[in-house]
Amino acid sequence: MTSTLLDSRVAAALTRMFAEADAQMPLLGEMFGKDSVPGESSAQERADALSEFYLPVTPEAGRLLYTLVRASRPTTVVEFGMSLGISAIHLASAVRDNGEGRVVTTELNEQKVAVASGNFADAGLDDLITVLHGDALETLAAIDGPVQFVLLDGWKDLYLQVLQLLEPRLAPGALVVADNTSMPGLQPYLDYLRDPANGYVSVHFPVRDADSMEISCRA
């Protein structure tokens, strides 16, 4: 069986999207260097300021997400922080190859919802992906359980709140993958996941030279 990641439509969409993301990186770095998106802004203000930017996972991290979903075979995958859809395409590709399941993803910015939805259609995976537009702390409150896989890749200061919102619906053995966990401000999240009293087994996983993921299992 051939991986859906190698399907011509999926591969073409990801090649285009990664190229567009790479082209944006100098300007994105300049914006953050000038503090054009201050951390004290609201989540909506930050989302709107970056409405044209991908904020993507790397190709290697995307393949890791695909592999984890293929291996764990979740029926419900929840993503916090869709951006323009690169990670969701990797997740949905794995769901398709598993033969069952769905991806539910969230995004604050209306423009990104429209562009990402087009990207999902281009990849031929839009039938597997449900996009929730709005504040994840509100939209995810009504999600059906059980949830077997969670990707946290939105605003870092909300990781812990989103996780705790989803916890009542996490299935035993659910995987929780948090990206960019070397960034400042994530220590409270890491402390929570690494405290055995909170019911997780958690491991630090370097995915690039200057950054990492935290991969946790709901024990």
N, C-alpha and C. Protein backbone atom coordinates (compact mmCIF):
# COMPACT_ATOMS: atom_id res chain seq x y z
N MET A 1 0.84 -1.20 0.00
CA MET A 1 0.00 0.00 0.00
C MET A 1 0.88 1.25 0.00
N THR A 2 0.51 2.22 -0.83
CA THR A 2 1.27 3.47 -0.92
C THR A 2 0.69 4.50 0.02
N SER A 3 1.56 5.23 0.71
CA SER A 3 1.10 6.28 1.62
C SER A 3 0.37 7.38 0.86
N THR A 4 -0.69 7.88 1.46
CA THR A 4 -1.42 9.01 0.88
C THR A 4 -0.52 10.24 0.75
N LEU A 5 0.51 10.34 1.57
CA LEU A 5 1.45 11.46 1.41
C LEU A 5 2.10 11.48 0.03
N LEU A 6 2.13 10.30 -0.64
CA LEU A 6 2.73 10.20 -1.96
C LEU A 6 1.70 10.35 -3.08
N ASP A 7 0.42 10.45 -2.71
CA ASP A 7 -0.62 10.71 -3.71
C ASP A 7 -0.30 12.01 -4.45
N SER A 8 -0.54 12.04 -5.74
CA SER A 8 -0.12 13.19 -6.55
C SER A 8 -0.74 14.49 -6.07
N ARG A 9 -2.02 14.47 -5.67
CA ARG A 9 -2.68 15.70 -5.23
C ARG A 9 -2.12 16.16 -3.88
N VAL A 10 -1.94 15.22 -2.97
CA VAL A 10 -1.40 15.56 -1.65
C VAL A 10 0.03 16.06 -1.77
N ALA A 11 0.85 15.33 -2.51
CA ALA A 11 2.26 15.72 -2.66
C ALA A 11 2.39 17.09 -3.32
N ALA A 12 1.57 17.35 -4.34
CA ALA A 12 1.63 18.65 -5.01
C ALA A 12 1.20 19.77 -4.08
N ALA A 13 0.14 19.53 -3.31
CA ALA A 13 -0.31 20.56 -2.37
C ALA A 13 0.75 20.86 -1.32
N LEU A 14 1.35 19.81 -0.74
CA LEU A 14 2.36 20.03 0.30
C LEU A 14 3.62 20.68 -0.27
N THR A 15 4.03 20.29 -1.47
CA THR A 15 5.21 20.92 -2.09
C THR A 15 4.97 22.41 -2.28
N ARG A 16 3.81 22.75 -2.79
CA ARG A 16 3.47 24.17 -2.98
C ARG A 16 3.43 24.91 -1.64
N MET A 17 2.78 24.32 -0.65
CA MET A 17 2.59 25.00 0.63
C MET A 17 3.92 25.18 1.37
N PHE A 18 4.76 24.16 1.35
CA PHE A 18 6.06 24.31 2.01
C PHE A 18 6.92 25.36 1.30
N ALA A 19 6.83 25.43 -0.03
CA ALA A 19 7.58 26.44 -0.77
C ALA A 19 7.08 27.84 -0.41
N GLU A 20 5.76 28.00 -0.32
CA GLU A 20 5.20 29.30 0.06
C GLU A 20 5.61 29.66 1.49
N ALA A 21 5.60 28.67 2.38
CA ALA A 21 6.00 28.93 3.77
C ALA A 21 7.46 29.33 3.86
N ASP A 22 8.32 28.64 3.11
CA ASP A 22 9.75 28.97 3.13
C ASP A 22 9.99 30.39 2.63
N ALA A 23 9.24 30.79 1.60
CA ALA A 23 9.41 32.14 1.05
C ALA A 23 9.00 33.22 2.05
N GLN A 24 8.09 32.87 2.97
CA GLN A 24 7.61 33.84 3.95
C GLN A 24 8.55 33.99 5.16
N MET A 25 9.43 33.03 5.37
CA MET A 25 10.19 32.98 6.61
C MET A 25 11.01 34.24 6.90
N PRO A 26 11.70 34.84 5.92
CA PRO A 26 12.46 36.05 6.24
C PRO A 26 11.57 37.17 6.77
N LEU A 27 10.41 37.39 6.14
CA LEU A 27 9.52 38.45 6.61
C LEU A 27 8.92 38.10 7.96
N LEU A 28 8.60 36.83 8.16
CA LEU A 28 8.06 36.41 9.45
C LEU A 28 9.08 36.62 10.56
N GLY A 29 10.33 36.26 10.31
CA GLY A 29 11.38 36.49 11.30
C GLY A 29 11.57 37.96 11.59
N GLU A 30 11.44 38.78 10.56
CA GLU A 30 11.58 40.23 10.74
C GLU A 30 10.44 40.77 11.61
N MET A 31 9.24 40.28 11.40
CA MET A 31 8.09 40.74 12.19
C MET A 31 8.28 40.40 13.67
N PHE A 32 8.70 39.17 13.93
CA PHE A 32 8.89 38.79 15.33
C PHE A 32 10.09 39.52 15.94
N GLY A 33 11.13 39.78 15.10
CA GLY A 33 12.28 40.52 15.58
C GLY A 33 11.95 41.93 15.98
N LYS A 34 10.99 42.53 15.28
CA LYS A 34 10.55 43.89 15.59
C LYS A 34 9.41 43.92 16.61
N ASP A 35 9.03 42.75 17.11
CA ASP A 35 7.92 42.63 18.06
C ASP A 35 6.63 43.19 17.47
N SER A 36 6.44 42.93 16.16
CA SER A 36 5.23 43.40 15.50
C SER A 36 3.99 42.64 15.96
N VAL A 37 4.23 41.48 16.60
CA VAL A 37 3.12 40.69 17.14
C VAL A 37 3.39 40.49 18.63
N PRO A 38 3.18 41.52 19.44
CA PRO A 38 3.52 41.44 20.86
C PRO A 38 2.77 40.35 21.59
N GLY A 39 3.46 39.69 22.52
CA GLY A 39 2.87 38.58 23.24
C GLY A 39 1.68 38.96 24.08
N GLU A 40 1.61 40.23 24.47
CA GLU A 40 0.48 40.63 25.31
C GLU A 40 -0.80 40.90 24.51
N SER A 41 -0.72 40.82 23.18
CA SER A 41 -1.92 40.96 22.36
C SER A 41 -2.85 39.79 22.61
N SER A 42 -4.13 39.98 22.32
CA SER A 42 -5.08 38.89 22.46
C SER A 42 -4.80 37.83 21.39
N ALA A 43 -5.32 36.64 21.60
CA ALA A 43 -5.15 35.58 20.62
C ALA A 43 -5.72 36.00 19.27
N GLN A 44 -6.87 36.67 19.27
CA GLN A 44 -7.48 37.11 18.02
C GLN A 44 -6.59 38.15 17.33
N GLU A 45 -6.03 39.08 18.06
CA GLU A 45 -5.16 40.10 17.46
C GLU A 45 -3.91 39.46 16.86
N ARG A 46 -3.35 38.48 17.56
CA ARG A 46 -2.17 37.79 17.03
C ARG A 46 -2.53 37.01 15.77
N ALA A 47 -3.67 36.33 15.80
CA ALA A 47 -4.09 35.55 14.64
C ALA A 47 -4.32 36.45 13.43
N ASP A 48 -4.94 37.59 13.64
CA ASP A 48 -5.22 38.50 12.54
C ASP A 48 -3.94 39.14 12.00
N ALA A 49 -2.97 39.42 12.88
CA ALA A 49 -1.71 40.01 12.43
C ALA A 49 -0.92 39.05 11.55
N LEU A 50 -1.14 37.76 11.75
CA LEU A 50 -0.39 36.74 11.01
C LEU A 50 -1.29 35.98 10.04
N SER A 51 -2.33 36.63 9.56
CA SER A 51 -3.35 35.94 8.76
C SER A 51 -2.81 35.41 7.44
N GLU A 52 -1.70 35.95 6.94
CA GLU A 52 -1.18 35.52 5.65
C GLU A 52 -0.02 34.55 5.78
N PHE A 53 0.35 34.20 7.02
CA PHE A 53 1.55 33.39 7.23
C PHE A 53 1.19 31.96 7.61
N TYR A 54 2.03 31.03 7.16
CA TYR A 54 1.77 29.62 7.39
C TYR A 54 2.00 29.17 8.83
N LEU A 55 3.09 29.58 9.47
CA LEU A 55 3.46 29.09 10.81
C LEU A 55 3.46 27.56 10.83
N PRO A 56 4.21 26.92 9.90
CA PRO A 56 4.03 25.49 9.66
C PRO A 56 4.91 24.61 10.54
N VAL A 57 4.53 23.33 10.61
CA VAL A 57 5.46 22.32 11.06
C VAL A 57 6.48 22.11 9.94
N THR A 58 7.63 21.51 10.27
CA THR A 58 8.61 21.16 9.25
C THR A 58 8.16 19.90 8.51
N PRO A 59 8.74 19.62 7.34
CA PRO A 59 8.41 18.37 6.66
C PRO A 59 8.68 17.14 7.54
N GLU A 60 9.78 17.19 8.31
CA GLU A 60 10.11 16.05 9.18
C GLU A 60 9.06 15.89 10.29
N ALA A 61 8.65 17.00 10.88
CA ALA A 61 7.61 16.93 11.92
C ALA A 61 6.29 16.47 11.33
N GLY A 62 5.99 16.88 10.10
CA GLY A 62 4.77 16.41 9.44
C GLY A 62 4.78 14.91 9.26
N ARG A 63 5.91 14.36 8.84
CA ARG A 63 6.00 12.91 8.67
C ARG A 63 5.92 12.19 10.01
N LEU A 64 6.46 12.81 11.06
CA LEU A 64 6.34 12.22 12.39
C LEU A 64 4.87 12.17 12.80
N LEU A 65 4.13 13.24 12.59
CA LEU A 65 2.71 13.25 12.92
C LEU A 65 1.96 12.18 12.13
N TYR A 66 2.27 12.06 10.85
CA TYR A 66 1.64 11.02 10.03
C TYR A 66 1.92 9.64 10.64
N THR A 67 3.17 9.40 11.01
CA THR A 67 3.57 8.10 11.55
C THR A 67 2.86 7.80 12.86
N LEU A 68 2.76 8.79 13.73
CA LEU A 68 2.10 8.59 15.03
C LEU A 68 0.62 8.27 14.86
N VAL A 69 -0.03 8.96 13.94
CA VAL A 69 -1.45 8.69 13.71
C VAL A 69 -1.65 7.33 13.06
N ARG A 70 -0.79 6.97 12.12
CA ARG A 70 -0.90 5.65 11.50
C ARG A 70 -0.75 4.56 12.55
N ALA A 71 0.22 4.73 13.47
CA ALA A 71 0.51 3.70 14.45
C ALA A 71 -0.57 3.61 15.53
N SER A 72 -1.11 4.75 15.94
CA SER A 72 -2.06 4.76 17.05
C SER A 72 -3.51 4.57 16.61
N ARG A 73 -3.78 4.79 15.32
CA ARG A 73 -5.09 4.55 14.71
C ARG A 73 -6.24 5.23 15.46
N PRO A 74 -6.16 6.52 15.69
CA PRO A 74 -7.25 7.22 16.37
C PRO A 74 -8.47 7.37 15.48
N THR A 75 -9.65 7.36 16.07
CA THR A 75 -10.85 7.66 15.30
C THR A 75 -11.17 9.15 15.31
N THR A 76 -10.70 9.86 16.34
CA THR A 76 -10.87 11.32 16.39
C THR A 76 -9.53 11.97 16.69
N VAL A 77 -9.07 12.80 15.77
CA VAL A 77 -7.85 13.59 15.91
C VAL A 77 -8.27 15.05 16.08
N VAL A 78 -7.76 15.72 17.11
CA VAL A 78 -8.07 17.12 17.34
C VAL A 78 -6.79 17.93 17.20
N GLU A 79 -6.85 18.98 16.39
CA GLU A 79 -5.72 19.89 16.23
C GLU A 79 -6.09 21.26 16.75
N PHE A 80 -5.27 21.82 17.61
CA PHE A 80 -5.41 23.19 18.06
C PHE A 80 -4.41 24.04 17.31
N GLY A 81 -4.90 24.90 16.39
CA GLY A 81 -4.03 25.78 15.63
C GLY A 81 -3.80 25.28 14.21
N MET A 82 -4.78 25.47 13.34
CA MET A 82 -4.71 24.95 11.97
C MET A 82 -3.74 25.74 11.10
N SER A 83 -3.69 27.07 11.29
CA SER A 83 -2.97 27.97 10.39
C SER A 83 -3.48 27.74 8.96
N LEU A 84 -2.59 27.45 8.00
CA LEU A 84 -3.04 27.27 6.62
C LEU A 84 -3.11 25.82 6.20
N GLY A 85 -2.94 24.89 7.17
CA GLY A 85 -3.35 23.52 6.93
C GLY A 85 -2.30 22.48 6.67
N ILE A 86 -1.00 22.80 6.79
CA ILE A 86 0.02 21.81 6.47
C ILE A 86 -0.06 20.60 7.40
N SER A 87 -0.11 20.85 8.70
CA SER A 87 -0.14 19.72 9.64
C SER A 87 -1.43 18.92 9.51
N ALA A 88 -2.54 19.59 9.28
CA ALA A 88 -3.82 18.88 9.14
C ALA A 88 -3.80 17.95 7.93
N ILE A 89 -3.10 18.33 6.87
CA ILE A 89 -3.00 17.46 5.70
C ILE A 89 -2.22 16.19 6.04
N HIS A 90 -1.16 16.33 6.84
CA HIS A 90 -0.42 15.14 7.28
C HIS A 90 -1.31 14.24 8.16
N LEU A 91 -2.05 14.86 9.07
CA LEU A 91 -2.93 14.09 9.95
C LEU A 91 -4.01 13.37 9.15
N ALA A 92 -4.63 14.08 8.23
CA ALA A 92 -5.71 13.49 7.45
C ALA A 92 -5.20 12.42 6.49
N SER A 93 -3.98 12.57 6.00
CA SER A 93 -3.40 11.52 5.15
C SER A 93 -3.28 10.22 5.93
N ALA A 94 -2.85 10.31 7.18
CA ALA A 94 -2.75 9.12 8.01
C ALA A 94 -4.12 8.52 8.30
N VAL A 95 -5.10 9.38 8.58
CA VAL A 95 -6.46 8.90 8.82
C VAL A 95 -6.99 8.16 7.60
N ARG A 96 -6.75 8.71 6.42
CA ARG A 96 -7.20 8.03 5.20
C ARG A 96 -6.55 6.66 5.07
N ASP A 97 -5.26 6.58 5.34
CA ASP A 97 -4.56 5.30 5.19
C ASP A 97 -4.97 4.30 6.28
N ASN A 98 -5.42 4.80 7.42
CA ASN A 98 -5.94 3.91 8.45
C ASN A 98 -7.31 3.33 8.09
N GLY A 99 -8.00 4.01 7.19
CA GLY A 99 -9.30 3.51 6.75
C GLY A 99 -10.47 3.96 7.58
N GLU A 100 -10.22 4.74 8.64
CA GLU A 100 -11.32 5.27 9.45
C GLU A 100 -10.80 6.48 10.23
N GLY A 101 -11.76 7.29 10.70
CA GLY A 101 -11.40 8.42 11.55
C GLY A 101 -11.70 9.76 10.92
N ARG A 102 -11.43 10.80 11.69
CA ARG A 102 -11.68 12.17 11.25
C ARG A 102 -10.67 13.08 11.94
N VAL A 103 -10.44 14.24 11.32
CA VAL A 103 -9.60 15.28 11.90
C VAL A 103 -10.49 16.49 12.17
N VAL A 104 -10.45 16.99 13.40
CA VAL A 104 -11.16 18.21 13.76
C VAL A 104 -10.10 19.26 14.08
N THR A 105 -10.10 20.35 13.35
CA THR A 105 -9.06 21.36 13.54
C THR A 105 -9.70 22.72 13.83
N THR A 106 -8.93 23.61 14.42
CA THR A 106 -9.46 24.89 14.91
C THR A 106 -8.64 26.06 14.40
N GLU A 107 -9.30 27.18 14.16
CA GLU A 107 -8.58 28.37 13.71
C GLU A 107 -9.40 29.62 14.03
N LEU A 108 -8.72 30.64 14.54
CA LEU A 108 -9.36 31.89 14.90
C LEU A 108 -9.61 32.81 13.71
N ASN A 109 -8.66 32.82 12.76
CA ASN A 109 -8.70 33.82 11.70
C ASN A 109 -9.54 33.35 10.51
N GLU A 110 -10.51 34.18 10.13
CA GLU A 110 -11.44 33.82 9.05
C GLU A 110 -10.74 33.63 7.72
N GLN A 111 -9.76 34.47 7.43
CA GLN A 111 -9.04 34.36 6.16
C GLN A 111 -8.30 33.03 6.07
N LYS A 112 -7.68 32.62 7.20
CA LYS A 112 -6.97 31.34 7.19
C LYS A 112 -7.92 30.17 7.02
N VAL A 113 -9.10 30.27 7.60
CA VAL A 113 -10.09 29.21 7.42
C VAL A 113 -10.41 29.02 5.94
N ALA A 114 -10.59 30.12 5.24
CA ALA A 114 -10.93 30.05 3.82
C ALA A 114 -9.78 29.47 3.00
N VAL A 115 -8.56 29.94 3.25
CA VAL A 115 -7.40 29.47 2.47
C VAL A 115 -7.12 28.00 2.78
N ALA A 116 -7.13 27.64 4.06
CA ALA A 116 -6.86 26.25 4.43
C ALA A 116 -7.91 25.31 3.85
N SER A 117 -9.16 25.73 3.86
CA SER A 117 -10.21 24.89 3.30
C SER A 117 -9.95 24.62 1.82
N GLY A 118 -9.46 25.63 1.12
CA GLY A 118 -9.08 25.44 -0.28
C GLY A 118 -7.91 24.48 -0.42
N ASN A 119 -6.95 24.58 0.50
CA ASN A 119 -5.81 23.66 0.46
C ASN A 119 -6.25 22.22 0.70
N PHE A 120 -7.19 22.02 1.61
CA PHE A 120 -7.69 20.67 1.88
C PHE A 120 -8.39 20.10 0.65
N ALA A 121 -9.16 20.95 -0.04
CA ALA A 121 -9.83 20.50 -1.26
C ALA A 121 -8.81 20.17 -2.35
N ASP A 122 -7.77 21.00 -2.48
CA ASP A 122 -6.73 20.74 -3.47
C ASP A 122 -6.06 19.38 -3.22
N ALA A 123 -5.86 19.05 -1.94
CA ALA A 123 -5.22 17.78 -1.59
C ALA A 123 -6.18 16.60 -1.67
N GLY A 124 -7.48 16.87 -1.83
CA GLY A 124 -8.46 15.79 -1.89
C GLY A 124 -8.75 15.17 -0.54
N LEU A 125 -8.55 15.93 0.54
CA LEU A 125 -8.73 15.41 1.89
C LEU A 125 -9.81 16.16 2.67
N ASP A 126 -10.53 17.05 2.01
CA ASP A 126 -11.50 17.89 2.72
C ASP A 126 -12.65 17.08 3.32
N ASP A 127 -12.88 15.88 2.79
CA ASP A 127 -13.96 15.06 3.35
C ASP A 127 -13.62 14.49 4.72
N LEU A 128 -12.35 14.53 5.10
CA LEU A 128 -11.90 13.97 6.39
C LEU A 128 -11.66 15.03 7.44
N ILE A 129 -11.73 16.31 7.06
CA ILE A 129 -11.33 17.40 7.95
C ILE A 129 -12.50 18.31 8.25
N THR A 130 -12.79 18.49 9.53
CA THR A 130 -13.80 19.46 9.97
C THR A 130 -13.07 20.66 10.56
N VAL A 131 -13.37 21.84 10.04
CA VAL A 131 -12.73 23.07 10.51
C VAL A 131 -13.69 23.82 11.43
N LEU A 132 -13.24 24.07 12.65
CA LEU A 132 -14.01 24.86 13.61
C LEU A 132 -13.43 26.26 13.65
N HIS A 133 -14.22 27.24 13.21
CA HIS A 133 -13.78 28.63 13.17
C HIS A 133 -14.18 29.33 14.46
N GLY A 134 -13.18 29.87 15.17
CA GLY A 134 -13.48 30.60 16.39
C GLY A 134 -12.48 30.29 17.48
N ASP A 135 -12.79 30.74 18.67
CA ASP A 135 -11.96 30.54 19.84
C ASP A 135 -11.99 29.06 20.22
N ALA A 136 -10.82 28.41 20.23
CA ALA A 136 -10.77 26.97 20.51
C ALA A 136 -11.32 26.63 21.87
N LEU A 137 -11.20 27.55 22.83
CA LEU A 137 -11.72 27.29 24.17
C LEU A 137 -13.25 27.24 24.17
N GLU A 138 -13.85 27.74 23.11
CA GLU A 138 -15.30 27.64 22.95
C GLU A 138 -15.68 26.54 21.97
N THR A 139 -15.02 26.50 20.81
CA THR A 139 -15.42 25.53 19.78
C THR A 139 -15.13 24.09 20.21
N LEU A 140 -14.04 23.87 20.94
CA LEU A 140 -13.69 22.51 21.34
C LEU A 140 -14.49 22.02 22.55
N ALA A 141 -15.19 22.94 23.19
CA ALA A 141 -15.98 22.55 24.37
C ALA A 141 -17.11 21.60 24.00
N ALA A 142 -17.55 21.63 22.75
CA ALA A 142 -18.68 20.82 22.33
C ALA A 142 -18.28 19.60 21.51
N ILE A 143 -16.99 19.33 21.42
CA ILE A 143 -16.55 18.23 20.58
C ILE A 143 -16.97 16.89 21.18
N ASP A 144 -17.35 15.97 20.31
CA ASP A 144 -17.73 14.64 20.76
C ASP A 144 -16.48 13.84 21.14
N GLY A 145 -16.59 13.02 22.17
CA GLY A 145 -15.51 12.13 22.53
C GLY A 145 -15.81 10.72 22.09
N PRO A 146 -14.91 9.78 22.30
CA PRO A 146 -13.59 10.00 22.88
C PRO A 146 -12.60 10.54 21.84
N VAL A 147 -11.57 11.22 22.34
CA VAL A 147 -10.49 11.77 21.50
C VAL A 147 -9.25 10.93 21.76
N GLN A 148 -8.64 10.43 20.70
CA GLN A 148 -7.47 9.56 20.86
C GLN A 148 -6.14 10.21 20.46
N PHE A 149 -6.20 11.38 19.82
CA PHE A 149 -4.96 12.04 19.38
C PHE A 149 -5.19 13.55 19.38
N VAL A 150 -4.25 14.28 19.98
CA VAL A 150 -4.35 15.74 20.04
C VAL A 150 -3.02 16.34 19.57
N LEU A 151 -3.09 17.31 18.67
CA LEU A 151 -1.93 18.11 18.30
C LEU A 151 -2.15 19.54 18.78
N LEU A 152 -1.24 20.01 19.62
CA LEU A 152 -1.27 21.38 20.11
C LEU A 152 -0.21 22.18 19.34
N ASP A 153 -0.67 23.10 18.49
CA ASP A 153 0.26 23.89 17.69
C ASP A 153 -0.31 25.28 17.43
N GLY A 154 -1.12 25.76 18.37
CA GLY A 154 -1.64 27.12 18.29
C GLY A 154 -0.83 28.04 19.19
N TRP A 155 -1.50 29.00 19.81
CA TRP A 155 -0.80 29.93 20.70
C TRP A 155 -0.33 29.19 21.95
N LYS A 156 0.97 29.36 22.23
CA LYS A 156 1.61 28.53 23.25
C LYS A 156 1.05 28.77 24.65
N ASP A 157 0.61 29.99 24.92
CA ASP A 157 0.08 30.29 26.26
C ASP A 157 -1.28 29.64 26.51
N LEU A 158 -1.86 29.02 25.47
CA LEU A 158 -3.16 28.37 25.63
C LEU A 158 -3.06 26.84 25.65
N TYR A 159 -1.87 26.31 25.49
CA TYR A 159 -1.73 24.84 25.43
C TYR A 159 -2.38 24.16 26.64
N LEU A 160 -2.04 24.63 27.83
CA LEU A 160 -2.53 23.95 29.02
C LEU A 160 -4.04 24.06 29.15
N GLN A 161 -4.59 25.23 28.83
CA GLN A 161 -6.04 25.40 28.90
C GLN A 161 -6.76 24.49 27.91
N VAL A 162 -6.22 24.40 26.70
CA VAL A 162 -6.86 23.54 25.69
C VAL A 162 -6.78 22.08 26.12
N LEU A 163 -5.62 21.67 26.60
CA LEU A 163 -5.49 20.29 27.06
C LEU A 163 -6.48 19.97 28.17
N GLN A 164 -6.56 20.84 29.16
CA GLN A 164 -7.46 20.58 30.28
C GLN A 164 -8.92 20.61 29.85
N LEU A 165 -9.24 21.41 28.84
CA LEU A 165 -10.59 21.40 28.29
C LEU A 165 -10.93 20.05 27.66
N LEU A 166 -9.94 19.45 26.99
CA LEU A 166 -10.16 18.19 26.29
C LEU A 166 -10.04 16.97 27.20
N GLU A 167 -9.41 17.12 28.35
CA GLU A 167 -9.10 15.96 29.20
C GLU A 167 -10.31 15.06 29.50
N PRO A 168 -11.49 15.60 29.79
CA PRO A 168 -12.62 14.69 30.07
C PRO A 168 -12.97 13.78 28.90
N ARG A 169 -12.54 14.13 27.69
CA ARG A 169 -12.87 13.33 26.50
C ARG A 169 -11.68 12.54 25.98
N LEU A 170 -10.52 12.63 26.65
CA LEU A 170 -9.35 11.87 26.20
C LEU A 170 -9.53 10.39 26.55
N ALA A 171 -9.33 9.54 25.56
CA ALA A 171 -9.40 8.10 25.78
C ALA A 171 -8.13 7.63 26.50
N PRO A 172 -8.21 6.56 27.27
CA PRO A 172 -6.98 5.98 27.84
C PRO A 172 -6.00 5.64 26.72
N GLY A 173 -4.76 6.03 26.89
CA GLY A 173 -3.76 5.80 25.86
C GLY A 173 -3.71 6.87 24.79
N ALA A 174 -4.54 7.90 24.89
CA ALA A 174 -4.52 8.99 23.90
C ALA A 174 -3.14 9.63 23.85
N LEU A 175 -2.73 10.00 22.64
CA LEU A 175 -1.47 10.72 22.46
C LEU A 175 -1.74 12.22 22.38
N VAL A 176 -0.90 12.99 23.07
CA VAL A 176 -0.96 14.45 23.01
C VAL A 176 0.41 14.92 22.55
N VAL A 177 0.45 15.57 21.38
CA VAL A 177 1.70 16.05 20.81
C VAL A 177 1.67 17.58 20.82
N ALA A 178 2.64 18.17 21.50
CA ALA A 178 2.73 19.63 21.57
C ALA A 178 3.97 20.08 20.81
N ASP A 179 3.80 20.98 19.85
CA ASP A 179 4.92 21.47 19.06
C ASP A 179 5.51 22.73 19.69
N ASN A 180 6.77 22.98 19.32
CA ASN A 180 7.48 24.21 19.74
C ASN A 180 7.64 24.33 21.24
N THR A 181 7.91 23.21 21.92
CA THR A 181 7.95 23.25 23.38
C THR A 181 9.26 23.78 23.94
N SER A 182 10.19 24.18 23.06
CA SER A 182 11.39 24.88 23.53
C SER A 182 11.18 26.38 23.60
N MET A 183 10.02 26.85 23.17
CA MET A 183 9.75 28.28 23.18
C MET A 183 9.48 28.76 24.60
N PRO A 184 9.73 30.05 24.86
CA PRO A 184 9.50 30.59 26.20
C PRO A 184 8.03 30.50 26.60
N GLY A 185 7.80 30.34 27.89
CA GLY A 185 6.45 30.38 28.41
C GLY A 185 5.75 29.05 28.51
N LEU A 186 6.40 27.96 28.07
CA LEU A 186 5.74 26.67 28.06
C LEU A 186 6.07 25.81 29.27
N GLN A 187 6.85 26.34 30.20
CA GLN A 187 7.22 25.51 31.34
C GLN A 187 6.02 25.05 32.17
N PRO A 188 5.01 25.90 32.40
CA PRO A 188 3.84 25.39 33.13
C PRO A 188 3.18 24.19 32.45
N TYR A 189 3.08 24.22 31.12
CA TYR A 189 2.52 23.09 30.39
C TYR A 189 3.38 21.85 30.59
N LEU A 190 4.70 22.01 30.44
CA LEU A 190 5.60 20.87 30.57
C LEU A 190 5.59 20.32 32.00
N ASP A 191 5.55 21.20 32.97
CA ASP A 191 5.49 20.74 34.36
C ASP A 191 4.23 19.91 34.61
N TYR A 192 3.13 20.34 34.04
CA TYR A 192 1.86 19.63 34.22
C TYR A 192 1.94 18.23 33.59
N LEU A 193 2.44 18.16 32.35
CA LEU A 193 2.50 16.87 31.66
C LEU A 193 3.49 15.92 32.32
N ARG A 194 4.54 16.46 32.91
CA ARG A 194 5.60 15.62 33.47
C ARG A 194 5.36 15.25 34.93
N ASP A 195 4.29 15.75 35.51
CA ASP A 195 3.93 15.38 36.88
C ASP A 195 3.07 14.11 36.81
N PRO A 196 3.57 12.98 37.30
CA PRO A 196 2.80 11.73 37.20
C PRO A 196 1.41 11.81 37.82
N ALA A 197 1.23 12.71 38.77
CA ALA A 197 -0.07 12.84 39.42
C ALA A 197 -1.16 13.27 38.44
N ASN A 198 -0.76 13.86 37.30
CA ASN A 198 -1.75 14.33 36.33
C ASN A 198 -2.10 13.29 35.28
N GLY A 199 -1.49 12.12 35.36
CA GLY A 199 -1.95 11.01 34.54
C GLY A 199 -1.34 10.88 33.16
N TYR A 200 -0.11 11.37 32.97
CA TYR A 200 0.54 11.25 31.66
C TYR A 200 1.92 10.62 31.80
N VAL A 201 2.35 9.96 30.74
CA VAL A 201 3.76 9.60 30.56
C VAL A 201 4.25 10.45 29.41
N SER A 202 5.29 11.25 29.64
CA SER A 202 5.65 12.30 28.69
C SER A 202 7.14 12.23 28.35
N VAL A 203 7.46 12.52 27.09
CA VAL A 203 8.85 12.49 26.65
C VAL A 203 9.15 13.71 25.79
N HIS A 204 10.31 14.29 26.03
CA HIS A 204 10.83 15.40 25.22
C HIS A 204 11.41 14.82 23.94
N PHE A 205 11.02 15.38 22.79
CA PHE A 205 11.47 14.83 21.51
C PHE A 205 11.98 15.96 20.62
N PRO A 206 13.31 16.07 20.41
CA PRO A 206 13.84 17.13 19.55
C PRO A 206 13.49 16.87 18.09
N VAL A 207 12.91 17.85 17.45
CA VAL A 207 12.51 17.70 16.05
C VAL A 207 13.28 18.62 15.11
N ARG A 208 14.02 19.54 15.66
CA ARG A 208 14.88 20.40 14.86
C ARG A 208 15.97 20.93 15.77
N ASP A 209 16.95 21.63 15.22
CA ASP A 209 18.12 22.03 16.00
C ASP A 209 17.75 22.88 17.22
N ALA A 210 16.81 23.78 17.06
CA ALA A 210 16.53 24.74 18.14
C ALA A 210 15.16 24.58 18.74
N ASP A 211 14.49 23.46 18.48
CA ASP A 211 13.13 23.33 18.99
C ASP A 211 12.81 21.86 19.22
N SER A 212 11.66 21.64 19.84
CA SER A 212 11.30 20.28 20.21
C SER A 212 9.79 20.11 20.28
N MET A 213 9.37 18.86 20.38
CA MET A 213 8.00 18.49 20.70
C MET A 213 7.98 17.79 22.05
N GLU A 214 6.83 17.80 22.68
CA GLU A 214 6.58 16.99 23.85
C GLU A 214 5.50 15.98 23.45
N ILE A 215 5.83 14.70 23.53
CA ILE A 215 4.89 13.65 23.15
C ILE A 215 4.45 12.94 24.43
N SER A 216 3.16 12.96 24.69
CA SER A 216 2.62 12.48 25.97
C SER A 216 1.52 11.47 25.73
N CYS A 217 1.45 10.48 26.60
CA CYS A 217 0.42 9.45 26.53
C CYS A 217 -0.46 9.57 27.76
N ARG A 218 -1.77 9.58 27.54
CA ARG A 218 -2.72 9.63 28.66
C ARG A 218 -2.79 8.25 29.30
N ALA A 219 -2.19 8.11 30.46
CA ALA A 219 -2.10 6.81 31.11
C ALA A 219 -3.42 6.43 31.77
